Protein backbone atom coordinates (compact mmCIF):
# COMPACT_ATOMS: atom_id res chain seq x y z
CA MET A 1 176.93 59.84 1.02
CA ARG A 2 179.35 61.07 -1.66
CA PRO A 3 182.00 62.16 0.88
CA LEU A 4 181.67 58.77 2.61
CA LEU A 5 182.03 56.91 -0.67
CA PHE A 6 185.06 59.04 -1.53
CA LEU A 7 186.69 58.21 1.83
CA ALA A 8 185.92 54.53 1.39
CA CYS A 9 187.51 54.49 -2.07
CA LEU A 10 190.49 56.42 -0.73
CA CYS A 11 191.04 53.85 2.02
CA LEU A 12 190.95 51.04 -0.50
CA THR A 13 193.58 52.68 -2.67
CA LEU A 14 195.98 53.60 0.15
CA PRO A 15 199.00 51.25 0.41
CA THR A 16 198.81 48.83 3.33
CA GLY A 17 201.76 48.33 5.65
CA ALA A 18 203.90 45.39 4.57
CA ALA A 19 204.74 42.75 7.16
CA GLU A 20 208.04 43.39 8.85
CA PRO A 21 210.82 41.06 7.66
CA LEU A 22 211.87 38.35 10.09
CA ASP A 23 214.98 38.99 12.16
CA LEU A 24 217.05 36.00 11.07
CA ALA A 25 220.28 37.13 12.78
CA PRO A 26 219.90 34.85 15.86
CA VAL A 27 219.03 31.88 13.63
CA LYS A 28 222.07 32.46 11.41
CA LYS A 29 224.35 32.66 14.46
CA TRP A 30 222.80 29.50 15.90
CA ILE A 31 223.29 27.51 12.70
CA ALA A 32 226.86 28.79 12.37
CA ARG A 33 227.63 27.48 15.87
CA GLN A 34 226.46 23.93 15.18
CA ASP A 35 229.94 22.88 14.10
CA GLU A 36 231.20 23.71 17.62
CA PHE A 37 229.21 20.83 19.12
CA ARG A 38 231.27 17.65 18.94
CA THR A 39 229.11 15.89 21.53
CA VAL A 40 225.75 16.57 23.18
CA GLN A 41 224.27 14.85 26.23
CA ALA A 42 220.99 15.79 27.85
CA ASP A 43 217.97 14.64 29.80
CA PHE A 44 214.55 15.48 28.45
CA THR A 45 210.87 15.24 29.21
CA GLN A 46 208.64 14.20 26.34
CA THR A 47 205.02 15.37 26.38
CA ARG A 48 202.64 13.85 23.87
CA ALA A 49 199.20 15.39 23.46
CA LEU A 50 196.82 13.20 21.47
CA ARG A 51 193.26 14.02 20.50
CA ALA A 52 192.11 10.63 21.74
CA LEU A 53 193.46 11.25 25.26
CA ARG A 54 192.11 13.69 27.86
CA SER A 55 195.51 14.29 29.45
CA PRO A 56 198.97 14.48 27.86
CA VAL A 57 201.38 11.56 28.28
CA VAL A 58 204.62 12.67 29.97
CA VAL A 59 207.71 10.43 29.83
CA PRO A 60 211.36 11.08 30.77
CA GLY A 61 214.20 10.36 28.39
CA ARG A 62 217.91 10.81 27.65
CA ILE A 63 219.97 11.59 24.58
CA TRP A 64 223.61 11.24 23.54
CA PHE A 65 225.09 12.51 20.29
CA SER A 66 228.61 12.45 18.89
CA THR A 67 229.78 13.82 15.55
CA PRO A 68 229.43 13.05 12.79
CA ASN A 69 226.34 10.84 13.17
CA SER A 70 226.32 8.65 16.28
CA LEU A 71 223.14 8.87 18.32
CA ARG A 72 221.47 7.18 21.27
CA TRP A 73 217.96 8.23 22.32
CA GLU A 74 216.13 6.54 25.20
CA LEU A 75 212.49 7.05 26.15
CA GLY A 76 211.24 5.87 29.53
CA ASP A 77 212.91 4.93 32.81
CA PRO A 78 213.75 2.13 32.41
CA ALA A 79 213.93 2.68 28.67
CA LYS A 80 210.97 1.26 26.77
CA THR A 81 212.23 2.51 23.42
CA ILE A 82 215.85 3.01 22.33
CA VAL A 83 216.90 4.55 19.03
CA LEU A 84 220.51 4.10 17.98
CA ARG A 85 222.14 5.61 14.95
CA LYS A 86 225.50 4.85 13.44
CA GLY A 87 226.19 6.41 10.07
CA ASP A 88 223.11 6.02 7.89
CA THR A 89 221.60 3.15 9.86
CA TYR A 90 219.03 3.35 12.64
CA LEU A 91 218.32 0.58 15.14
CA LEU A 92 214.95 0.84 16.93
CA VAL A 93 214.97 -1.37 20.05
CA GLN A 94 212.11 -2.33 22.36
CA PRO A 95 213.94 -4.06 25.23
CA ALA A 96 210.86 -5.35 27.07
CA LYS A 97 209.52 -7.00 23.92
CA LYS A 98 213.00 -8.22 22.92
CA LYS A 99 212.43 -6.81 19.45
CA ALA A 100 214.44 -4.48 17.24
CA GLN A 101 214.21 -3.10 13.73
CA ARG A 102 217.06 -1.94 11.53
CA LEU A 103 216.29 0.92 9.12
CA SER A 104 218.25 3.20 6.82
CA ALA A 105 218.02 6.90 7.65
CA GLY A 106 216.52 7.78 4.28
CA ASN A 107 213.67 5.29 4.56
CA ILE A 108 212.05 6.37 7.82
CA GLY A 109 208.68 7.79 6.82
CA PRO A 110 207.34 11.07 8.24
CA GLU A 111 204.58 9.23 10.04
CA GLY A 112 207.11 7.31 12.15
CA GLY A 113 208.02 8.43 15.64
CA ALA A 114 211.73 8.07 14.87
CA LYS A 115 211.37 10.46 11.96
CA GLY A 116 210.26 13.15 14.36
CA PHE A 117 213.46 12.75 16.26
CA ALA A 118 215.53 12.40 13.11
CA MET A 119 214.33 15.84 12.09
CA MET A 120 216.25 17.12 15.08
CA GLU A 121 219.59 15.76 13.92
CA PHE A 122 222.82 17.49 14.81
CA PRO A 123 223.70 19.63 13.06
CA LEU A 124 220.38 20.65 11.54
CA ALA A 125 222.26 21.99 8.53
CA SER A 126 225.85 22.61 7.50
CA ASP A 127 225.10 26.30 6.93
CA PHE A 128 222.19 28.75 6.79
CA ALA A 129 221.69 28.28 3.04
CA GLU A 130 221.16 24.55 3.54
CA PHE A 131 218.87 25.27 6.51
CA GLN A 132 216.66 27.43 4.30
CA LYS A 133 216.54 24.67 1.69
CA LYS A 134 215.29 22.23 4.32
CA PHE A 135 212.90 24.51 6.22
CA GLU A 136 210.51 27.38 5.69
CA ILE A 137 210.89 29.82 8.58
CA LEU A 138 207.44 30.97 9.74
CA SER A 139 208.35 33.10 12.75
CA VAL A 140 211.28 34.15 14.94
CA LYS A 141 210.85 35.63 18.41
CA THR A 142 213.63 36.38 20.90
CA GLU A 143 213.05 36.82 24.63
CA ASP A 144 216.14 37.43 26.77
CA THR A 145 218.45 34.51 25.89
CA HIS A 146 215.70 32.34 24.40
CA CYS A 147 214.93 32.32 20.69
CA HIS A 148 211.61 30.77 19.63
CA LEU A 149 211.62 29.49 16.07
CA GLU A 150 208.63 28.14 14.14
CA LEU A 151 209.29 26.18 10.96
CA LEU A 152 207.84 23.89 8.37
CA PRO A 153 209.91 21.35 6.45
CA ARG A 154 209.97 21.99 2.73
CA ASP A 155 209.59 18.27 2.05
CA ALA A 156 206.11 17.81 0.58
CA GLN A 157 205.42 14.51 2.36
CA ALA A 158 206.40 15.93 5.74
CA ARG A 159 204.13 18.96 5.21
CA LYS A 160 201.17 16.64 4.71
CA PHE A 161 201.82 15.29 8.20
CA LEU A 162 203.03 18.38 10.10
CA SER A 163 201.49 21.80 10.68
CA ALA A 164 204.51 23.23 12.54
CA LEU A 165 207.91 22.53 14.05
CA LYS A 166 208.71 24.68 17.08
CA ILE A 167 212.26 25.05 18.34
CA THR A 168 213.54 27.08 21.28
CA PHE A 169 217.29 27.47 21.71
CA ASP A 170 219.63 29.37 24.00
CA THR A 171 221.23 32.27 22.14
CA LYS A 172 224.32 32.21 24.42
CA SER A 173 225.25 28.53 24.51
CA GLY A 174 223.41 27.49 21.34
CA HIS A 175 221.88 24.38 22.92
CA LEU A 176 218.28 23.30 22.37
CA ILE A 177 215.79 24.10 25.09
CA SER A 178 212.76 22.49 23.49
CA PHE A 179 211.60 20.90 20.26
CA GLU A 180 207.95 20.36 19.35
CA MET A 181 206.14 18.75 16.43
CA VAL A 182 202.51 19.70 15.81
CA THR A 183 200.59 17.46 13.43
CA ARG A 184 197.67 18.38 11.22
CA ASP A 185 195.25 16.29 13.29
CA GLY A 186 195.94 18.51 16.31
CA SER A 187 198.30 16.16 18.14
CA SER A 188 201.73 17.26 19.33
CA MET A 189 204.98 15.88 20.70
CA ARG A 190 207.28 18.17 22.70
CA ASN A 191 210.73 17.47 24.15
CA ASP A 192 212.00 19.81 26.89
CA PHE A 193 215.74 19.45 27.51
CA THR A 194 217.56 19.80 30.84
CA ASN A 195 221.04 19.06 32.19
CA VAL A 196 222.54 19.74 28.74
CA ARG A 197 226.27 18.95 28.47
CA LEU A 198 228.16 20.11 25.42
CA ASN A 199 231.48 18.67 24.22
CA SER A 200 231.97 16.33 27.18
CA LYS A 201 233.48 12.89 26.62
CA ILE A 202 231.10 10.03 25.71
CA ASP A 203 232.12 6.38 25.87
CA ARG A 204 231.84 4.97 22.33
CA ARG A 205 230.10 1.90 23.74
CA THR A 206 227.12 4.15 24.50
CA PHE A 207 226.13 3.82 20.83
CA ASP A 208 226.20 0.01 20.88
CA TYR A 209 223.51 -2.39 22.02
CA ASP A 210 223.81 -6.06 22.90
CA LEU A 211 221.33 -7.80 20.61
CA THR A 212 221.71 -11.21 22.27
CA GLY A 213 218.23 -12.69 22.54
CA ILE A 214 216.71 -9.82 20.53
CA ASP A 215 214.61 -10.56 17.44
CA VAL A 216 215.95 -8.13 14.82
CA ALA A 217 213.80 -7.33 11.78
CA GLU A 218 215.92 -6.24 8.85
CA GLU A 219 214.71 -3.61 6.41
CA LYS A 220 213.06 -4.91 3.27
CA ASN A 221 214.39 -3.56 -0.03
């Protein structure tokens, strides 16, 4: 027994292997390239998995972005929800219901669907230092030209709502391949991007919406 006890004590006192540091090189390069993207256009498929539903809900969508902060995001075909951003103002439009809501970017709560998309703003950060201030990097895995990144926002309110943010990007072009939010109740929302066009011309009218006949709810102070 004494030799066994000695070996057991020895094992307890031996240093354990420290976890290998994350390879942040592809993430740093990706963030550094964000300034190259003056415009982004893409189609996407949104998959929402909810605990209350047996099967995920899959809906097509489209996105347009132009620097510094013009955005159009459509979900559905025809679009059932449209999110427009100009500067610090969001306009959430439901065409079929002839309703819209105007919100400031800073006042969209983490529980809102638009906030999930807002967390995918372009660029995500002006540099890697700012990126690290916004997000805690949980894991980085590179396969061929795909880099899989798992994050958590450092914002305390967002962390109450989210258990992970998962981003996959192309290491050659720098464009997003997928973006997924996983909530603490086990639900998830994933956008898979296709037909991505970088730095192609976008008509400025794309970011406008004719509000004739639309009931617009203004944000309450």
